[in-house]
Amino acid sequence: MGEPIQSFKELRVYQSACDLDLQVFLETKAWPREEKYALVDQIRRSSRAIGANLAESWAKRRYPAHFVSKLTDADGELQETMHWLGRATACGYLSPSKEEALTLLCQEIGRKLGKMMQNPESFT
């Protein structure tokens, strides 16, 4: 077993969430200007909130119920991001292959969040 995790930044799920939000940011830079205050804002906000909720959950890990609550919030933002990916593809802003790649990353994050929620005592 390795060294104990000292920071939320060391969590692989957090690193994956940051990768997702960067990929979403880069993709949305090319979307139509008329979507700037609609779809672009929504998907950027939800994708960034995943990592933010993970960071907050880490700070609350001494209290298992609060820890799991913030992980649940992160999962909710993840599901919202997946919704917006589907809408962007339907509108023709995102290619189906890029949606698939981002969805696979979302699913990986979701599995990691699920394991954390099922086993919070290993983090608290």
N, C-alpha and C. Protein backbone atom coordinates (compact mmCIF):
# COMPACT_ATOMS: atom_id res chain seq x y z
N MET A 1 0.84 -1.18 0.00
CA MET A 1 0.00 0.00 0.00
C MET A 1 0.88 1.24 0.00
N GLY A 2 0.51 2.25 -0.77
CA GLY A 2 1.31 3.47 -0.90
C GLY A 2 1.08 4.43 0.24
N GLU A 3 1.65 5.59 0.07
CA GLU A 3 1.51 6.66 1.05
C GLU A 3 0.06 7.12 1.12
N PRO A 4 -0.38 7.54 2.30
CA PRO A 4 -1.74 8.07 2.40
C PRO A 4 -1.90 9.35 1.58
N ILE A 5 -3.08 9.54 1.06
CA ILE A 5 -3.39 10.73 0.27
C ILE A 5 -3.44 11.94 1.21
N GLN A 6 -2.73 12.98 0.84
CA GLN A 6 -2.65 14.18 1.67
C GLN A 6 -3.54 15.32 1.17
N SER A 7 -3.94 15.25 -0.08
CA SER A 7 -4.69 16.35 -0.69
C SER A 7 -5.68 15.79 -1.71
N PHE A 8 -6.77 16.50 -1.89
CA PHE A 8 -7.74 16.11 -2.92
C PHE A 8 -7.10 16.08 -4.29
N LYS A 9 -6.05 16.87 -4.49
CA LYS A 9 -5.37 16.92 -5.79
C LYS A 9 -4.71 15.60 -6.15
N GLU A 10 -4.46 14.76 -5.15
CA GLU A 10 -3.85 13.46 -5.38
C GLU A 10 -4.87 12.39 -5.77
N LEU A 11 -6.15 12.67 -5.59
CA LEU A 11 -7.19 11.69 -5.94
C LEU A 11 -7.25 11.52 -7.45
N ARG A 12 -7.19 10.28 -7.91
CA ARG A 12 -7.27 10.03 -9.36
C ARG A 12 -8.59 10.52 -9.93
N VAL A 13 -9.68 10.42 -9.16
CA VAL A 13 -10.97 10.88 -9.64
C VAL A 13 -10.95 12.40 -9.82
N TYR A 14 -10.27 13.11 -8.96
CA TYR A 14 -10.15 14.56 -9.10
C TYR A 14 -9.34 14.90 -10.35
N GLN A 15 -8.26 14.19 -10.57
CA GLN A 15 -7.43 14.41 -11.76
C GLN A 15 -8.22 14.14 -13.04
N SER A 16 -9.04 13.08 -13.03
CA SER A 16 -9.89 12.79 -14.18
C SER A 16 -10.93 13.87 -14.38
N ALA A 17 -11.49 14.39 -13.29
CA ALA A 17 -12.48 15.46 -13.39
C ALA A 17 -11.85 16.72 -13.98
N CYS A 18 -10.63 17.02 -13.60
CA CYS A 18 -9.94 18.18 -14.17
C CYS A 18 -9.65 17.98 -15.65
N ASP A 19 -9.32 16.77 -16.03
CA ASP A 19 -9.11 16.44 -17.45
C ASP A 19 -10.42 16.66 -18.22
N LEU A 20 -11.51 16.19 -17.66
CA LEU A 20 -12.81 16.36 -18.31
C LEU A 20 -13.14 17.84 -18.47
N ASP A 21 -12.98 18.62 -17.41
CA ASP A 21 -13.39 20.02 -17.53
C ASP A 21 -12.49 20.79 -18.49
N LEU A 22 -11.22 20.41 -18.60
CA LEU A 22 -10.34 21.05 -19.58
C LEU A 22 -10.77 20.67 -21.00
N GLN A 23 -11.08 19.40 -21.22
CA GLN A 23 -11.53 18.97 -22.55
C GLN A 23 -12.83 19.67 -22.94
N VAL A 24 -13.75 19.80 -22.00
CA VAL A 24 -15.01 20.50 -22.26
C VAL A 24 -14.72 21.96 -22.62
N PHE A 25 -13.85 22.60 -21.86
CA PHE A 25 -13.50 24.00 -22.14
C PHE A 25 -12.95 24.14 -23.56
N LEU A 26 -12.02 23.28 -23.92
CA LEU A 26 -11.42 23.38 -25.25
C LEU A 26 -12.44 23.13 -26.36
N GLU A 27 -13.31 22.15 -26.17
CA GLU A 27 -14.34 21.87 -27.17
C GLU A 27 -15.30 23.04 -27.35
N THR A 28 -15.70 23.65 -26.24
CA THR A 28 -16.73 24.70 -26.29
C THR A 28 -16.20 26.00 -26.88
N LYS A 29 -14.90 26.16 -26.97
CA LYS A 29 -14.34 27.39 -27.54
C LYS A 29 -14.77 27.57 -29.00
N ALA A 30 -15.07 26.47 -29.68
CA ALA A 30 -15.44 26.53 -31.10
C ALA A 30 -16.95 26.56 -31.32
N TRP A 31 -17.73 26.51 -30.26
CA TRP A 31 -19.19 26.48 -30.42
C TRP A 31 -19.71 27.87 -30.78
N PRO A 32 -20.89 27.93 -31.36
CA PRO A 32 -21.43 29.22 -31.82
C PRO A 32 -21.55 30.25 -30.70
N ARG A 33 -21.33 31.51 -31.07
CA ARG A 33 -21.41 32.60 -30.09
C ARG A 33 -22.79 32.70 -29.46
N GLU A 34 -23.82 32.35 -30.21
CA GLU A 34 -25.17 32.45 -29.64
C GLU A 34 -25.40 31.46 -28.49
N GLU A 35 -24.52 30.49 -28.35
CA GLU A 35 -24.62 29.53 -27.25
C GLU A 35 -23.78 29.94 -26.04
N LYS A 36 -23.07 31.07 -26.14
CA LYS A 36 -22.16 31.47 -25.07
C LYS A 36 -22.85 31.55 -23.70
N TYR A 37 -24.03 32.11 -23.63
CA TYR A 37 -24.71 32.27 -22.35
C TYR A 37 -25.76 31.19 -22.12
N ALA A 38 -25.72 30.16 -22.92
CA ALA A 38 -26.68 29.06 -22.77
C ALA A 38 -25.89 27.76 -22.61
N LEU A 39 -25.78 27.01 -23.65
CA LEU A 39 -25.15 25.69 -23.59
C LEU A 39 -23.70 25.75 -23.12
N VAL A 40 -22.94 26.70 -23.62
CA VAL A 40 -21.53 26.79 -23.23
C VAL A 40 -21.41 27.03 -21.72
N ASP A 41 -22.14 28.02 -21.22
CA ASP A 41 -22.09 28.29 -19.77
C ASP A 41 -22.53 27.09 -18.95
N GLN A 42 -23.59 26.43 -19.38
CA GLN A 42 -24.12 25.30 -18.62
C GLN A 42 -23.13 24.15 -18.52
N ILE A 43 -22.56 23.75 -19.66
CA ILE A 43 -21.66 22.59 -19.64
C ILE A 43 -20.33 22.92 -18.97
N ARG A 44 -19.86 24.14 -19.15
CA ARG A 44 -18.62 24.52 -18.46
C ARG A 44 -18.84 24.54 -16.95
N ARG A 45 -19.95 25.11 -16.51
CA ARG A 45 -20.23 25.18 -15.08
C ARG A 45 -20.36 23.79 -14.48
N SER A 46 -21.14 22.92 -15.12
CA SER A 46 -21.35 21.59 -14.54
C SER A 46 -20.06 20.76 -14.56
N SER A 47 -19.28 20.85 -15.63
CA SER A 47 -18.05 20.06 -15.67
C SER A 47 -17.03 20.55 -14.65
N ARG A 48 -16.97 21.86 -14.42
CA ARG A 48 -16.05 22.40 -13.42
C ARG A 48 -16.50 22.10 -12.00
N ALA A 49 -17.79 21.98 -11.81
CA ALA A 49 -18.33 21.74 -10.47
C ALA A 49 -18.01 20.34 -9.96
N ILE A 50 -17.71 19.40 -10.85
CA ILE A 50 -17.37 18.04 -10.42
C ILE A 50 -16.13 18.10 -9.53
N GLY A 51 -15.06 18.69 -10.04
CA GLY A 51 -13.82 18.81 -9.27
C GLY A 51 -13.99 19.67 -8.02
N ALA A 52 -14.77 20.74 -8.14
CA ALA A 52 -15.00 21.61 -6.99
C ALA A 52 -15.69 20.86 -5.86
N ASN A 53 -16.68 20.04 -6.22
CA ASN A 53 -17.38 19.26 -5.19
C ASN A 53 -16.47 18.18 -4.60
N LEU A 54 -15.59 17.63 -5.40
CA LEU A 54 -14.62 16.66 -4.87
C LEU A 54 -13.69 17.34 -3.87
N ALA A 55 -13.23 18.53 -4.20
CA ALA A 55 -12.36 19.26 -3.27
C ALA A 55 -13.10 19.55 -1.97
N GLU A 56 -14.34 19.97 -2.08
CA GLU A 56 -15.12 20.24 -0.88
C GLU A 56 -15.40 18.97 -0.08
N SER A 57 -15.64 17.87 -0.78
CA SER A 57 -15.88 16.61 -0.06
C SER A 57 -14.64 16.21 0.73
N TRP A 58 -13.48 16.44 0.17
CA TRP A 58 -12.23 16.10 0.85
C TRP A 58 -12.12 16.87 2.17
N ALA A 59 -12.51 18.14 2.15
CA ALA A 59 -12.46 18.95 3.36
C ALA A 59 -13.46 18.47 4.41
N LYS A 60 -14.50 17.78 3.97
CA LYS A 60 -15.54 17.32 4.89
C LYS A 60 -15.44 15.82 5.19
N ARG A 61 -14.32 15.22 4.87
CA ARG A 61 -14.20 13.76 5.00
C ARG A 61 -14.23 13.25 6.44
N ARG A 62 -14.05 14.13 7.41
CA ARG A 62 -14.13 13.70 8.81
C ARG A 62 -15.55 13.34 9.21
N TYR A 63 -16.49 13.77 8.41
CA TYR A 63 -17.91 13.53 8.67
C TYR A 63 -18.49 12.74 7.50
N PRO A 64 -18.57 11.42 7.63
CA PRO A 64 -18.96 10.57 6.50
C PRO A 64 -20.22 11.01 5.77
N ALA A 65 -21.24 11.46 6.48
CA ALA A 65 -22.48 11.87 5.82
C ALA A 65 -22.25 13.10 4.94
N HIS A 66 -21.47 14.05 5.42
CA HIS A 66 -21.16 15.25 4.62
C HIS A 66 -20.27 14.89 3.44
N PHE A 67 -19.31 14.01 3.67
CA PHE A 67 -18.42 13.55 2.62
C PHE A 67 -19.23 12.93 1.48
N VAL A 68 -20.10 12.01 1.81
CA VAL A 68 -20.92 11.34 0.80
C VAL A 68 -21.87 12.34 0.13
N SER A 69 -22.39 13.28 0.89
CA SER A 69 -23.28 14.29 0.32
C SER A 69 -22.58 15.09 -0.78
N LYS A 70 -21.35 15.52 -0.53
CA LYS A 70 -20.62 16.29 -1.54
C LYS A 70 -20.21 15.41 -2.72
N LEU A 71 -19.92 14.13 -2.47
CA LEU A 71 -19.65 13.21 -3.57
C LEU A 71 -20.90 13.04 -4.44
N THR A 72 -22.06 13.00 -3.78
CA THR A 72 -23.33 12.91 -4.50
C THR A 72 -23.54 14.16 -5.35
N ASP A 73 -23.18 15.32 -4.82
CA ASP A 73 -23.27 16.56 -5.60
C ASP A 73 -22.36 16.48 -6.83
N ALA A 74 -21.15 15.96 -6.64
CA ALA A 74 -20.22 15.80 -7.77
C ALA A 74 -20.82 14.88 -8.82
N ASP A 75 -21.45 13.79 -8.37
CA ASP A 75 -22.08 12.86 -9.30
C ASP A 75 -23.25 13.53 -10.03
N GLY A 76 -24.00 14.36 -9.35
CA GLY A 76 -25.09 15.09 -9.99
C GLY A 76 -24.57 16.02 -11.09
N GLU A 77 -23.48 16.71 -10.82
CA GLU A 77 -22.88 17.58 -11.83
C GLU A 77 -22.33 16.77 -13.00
N LEU A 78 -21.82 15.59 -12.70
CA LEU A 78 -21.34 14.70 -13.75
C LEU A 78 -22.49 14.28 -14.67
N GLN A 79 -23.61 13.92 -14.08
CA GLN A 79 -24.78 13.52 -14.88
C GLN A 79 -25.28 14.69 -15.72
N GLU A 80 -25.26 15.89 -15.15
CA GLU A 80 -25.67 17.07 -15.91
C GLU A 80 -24.72 17.30 -17.09
N THR A 81 -23.43 17.14 -16.86
CA THR A 81 -22.46 17.30 -17.94
C THR A 81 -22.75 16.32 -19.07
N MET A 82 -23.05 15.08 -18.72
CA MET A 82 -23.37 14.08 -19.74
C MET A 82 -24.62 14.49 -20.52
N HIS A 83 -25.60 15.07 -19.83
CA HIS A 83 -26.80 15.57 -20.52
C HIS A 83 -26.42 16.63 -21.55
N TRP A 84 -25.59 17.60 -21.14
CA TRP A 84 -25.22 18.67 -22.06
C TRP A 84 -24.37 18.16 -23.21
N LEU A 85 -23.56 17.14 -22.97
CA LEU A 85 -22.80 16.54 -24.08
C LEU A 85 -23.76 16.00 -25.14
N GLY A 86 -24.81 15.33 -24.69
CA GLY A 86 -25.80 14.80 -25.62
C GLY A 86 -26.52 15.89 -26.38
N ARG A 87 -26.85 16.98 -25.69
CA ARG A 87 -27.54 18.10 -26.36
C ARG A 87 -26.61 18.75 -27.38
N ALA A 88 -25.32 18.90 -27.03
CA ALA A 88 -24.37 19.50 -27.96
C ALA A 88 -24.20 18.66 -29.21
N THR A 89 -24.21 17.36 -29.04
CA THR A 89 -24.11 16.46 -30.20
C THR A 89 -25.37 16.58 -31.05
N ALA A 90 -26.53 16.61 -30.41
CA ALA A 90 -27.79 16.74 -31.15
C ALA A 90 -27.86 18.04 -31.94
N CYS A 91 -27.23 19.10 -31.41
CA CYS A 91 -27.22 20.39 -32.10
C CYS A 91 -26.13 20.48 -33.17
N GLY A 92 -25.28 19.47 -33.25
CA GLY A 92 -24.22 19.45 -34.24
C GLY A 92 -22.95 20.17 -33.84
N TYR A 93 -22.82 20.52 -32.56
CA TYR A 93 -21.63 21.22 -32.08
C TYR A 93 -20.51 20.27 -31.68
N LEU A 94 -20.86 19.03 -31.41
CA LEU A 94 -19.91 18.03 -30.94
C LEU A 94 -20.07 16.79 -31.80
N SER A 95 -18.96 16.26 -32.26
CA SER A 95 -19.05 15.06 -33.10
C SER A 95 -19.44 13.86 -32.23
N PRO A 96 -20.13 12.90 -32.83
CA PRO A 96 -20.49 11.70 -32.06
C PRO A 96 -19.26 10.99 -31.47
N SER A 97 -18.15 10.98 -32.20
CA SER A 97 -16.95 10.31 -31.67
C SER A 97 -16.39 11.06 -30.46
N LYS A 98 -16.43 12.40 -30.49
CA LYS A 98 -15.95 13.18 -29.34
C LYS A 98 -16.91 13.01 -28.16
N GLU A 99 -18.22 12.98 -28.45
CA GLU A 99 -19.18 12.73 -27.37
C GLU A 99 -18.90 11.38 -26.73
N GLU A 100 -18.63 10.38 -27.55
CA GLU A 100 -18.35 9.04 -27.01
C GLU A 100 -17.11 9.06 -26.12
N ALA A 101 -16.05 9.73 -26.58
CA ALA A 101 -14.81 9.79 -25.78
C ALA A 101 -15.05 10.50 -24.45
N LEU A 102 -15.77 11.61 -24.49
CA LEU A 102 -16.05 12.35 -23.26
C LEU A 102 -17.00 11.57 -22.35
N THR A 103 -17.95 10.88 -22.94
CA THR A 103 -18.87 10.06 -22.15
C THR A 103 -18.13 8.92 -21.46
N LEU A 104 -17.17 8.31 -22.14
CA LEU A 104 -16.36 7.26 -21.51
C LEU A 104 -15.59 7.81 -20.31
N LEU A 105 -15.06 9.02 -20.45
CA LEU A 105 -14.36 9.65 -19.32
C LEU A 105 -15.34 9.93 -18.19
N CYS A 106 -16.55 10.40 -18.53
CA CYS A 106 -17.58 10.62 -17.52
C CYS A 106 -17.93 9.32 -16.79
N GLN A 107 -18.05 8.24 -17.53
CA GLN A 107 -18.39 6.95 -16.92
C GLN A 107 -17.28 6.48 -15.99
N GLU A 108 -16.03 6.70 -16.37
CA GLU A 108 -14.90 6.35 -15.51
C GLU A 108 -14.97 7.15 -14.20
N ILE A 109 -15.23 8.44 -14.31
CA ILE A 109 -15.36 9.29 -13.13
C ILE A 109 -16.52 8.80 -12.27
N GLY A 110 -17.63 8.47 -12.91
CA GLY A 110 -18.80 7.98 -12.18
C GLY A 110 -18.51 6.71 -11.41
N ARG A 111 -17.76 5.79 -12.01
CA ARG A 111 -17.40 4.55 -11.30
C ARG A 111 -16.55 4.85 -10.08
N LYS A 112 -15.60 5.76 -10.23
CA LYS A 112 -14.73 6.13 -9.10
C LYS A 112 -15.54 6.80 -7.99
N LEU A 113 -16.44 7.70 -8.38
CA LEU A 113 -17.30 8.34 -7.37
C LEU A 113 -18.15 7.30 -6.65
N GLY A 114 -18.70 6.36 -7.41
CA GLY A 114 -19.53 5.31 -6.82
C GLY A 114 -18.77 4.49 -5.80
N LYS A 115 -17.53 4.14 -6.11
CA LYS A 115 -16.72 3.38 -5.17
C LYS A 115 -16.43 4.19 -3.90
N MET A 116 -16.20 5.48 -4.08
CA MET A 116 -15.96 6.33 -2.91
C MET A 116 -17.21 6.42 -2.04
N MET A 117 -18.37 6.55 -2.69
CA MET A 117 -19.62 6.65 -1.92
C MET A 117 -19.97 5.34 -1.22
N GLN A 118 -19.61 4.22 -1.83
CA GLN A 118 -19.88 2.91 -1.22
C GLN A 118 -18.93 2.60 -0.09
N ASN A 119 -17.77 3.23 -0.09
CA ASN A 119 -16.74 2.92 0.89
C ASN A 119 -16.14 4.20 1.47
N PRO A 120 -16.97 5.09 2.04
CA PRO A 120 -16.44 6.38 2.51
C PRO A 120 -15.45 6.24 3.66
N GLU A 121 -15.57 5.17 4.45
CA GLU A 121 -14.69 5.04 5.61
C GLU A 121 -13.22 4.91 5.23
N SER A 122 -12.92 4.50 4.00
CA SER A 122 -11.52 4.43 3.60
C SER A 122 -10.94 5.82 3.32
N PHE A 123 -11.78 6.84 3.30
CA PHE A 123 -11.33 8.22 3.09
C PHE A 123 -11.53 9.09 4.32
N THR A 124 -12.38 8.65 5.25
CA THR A 124 -12.71 9.51 6.40
C THR A 124 -11.89 9.14 7.61
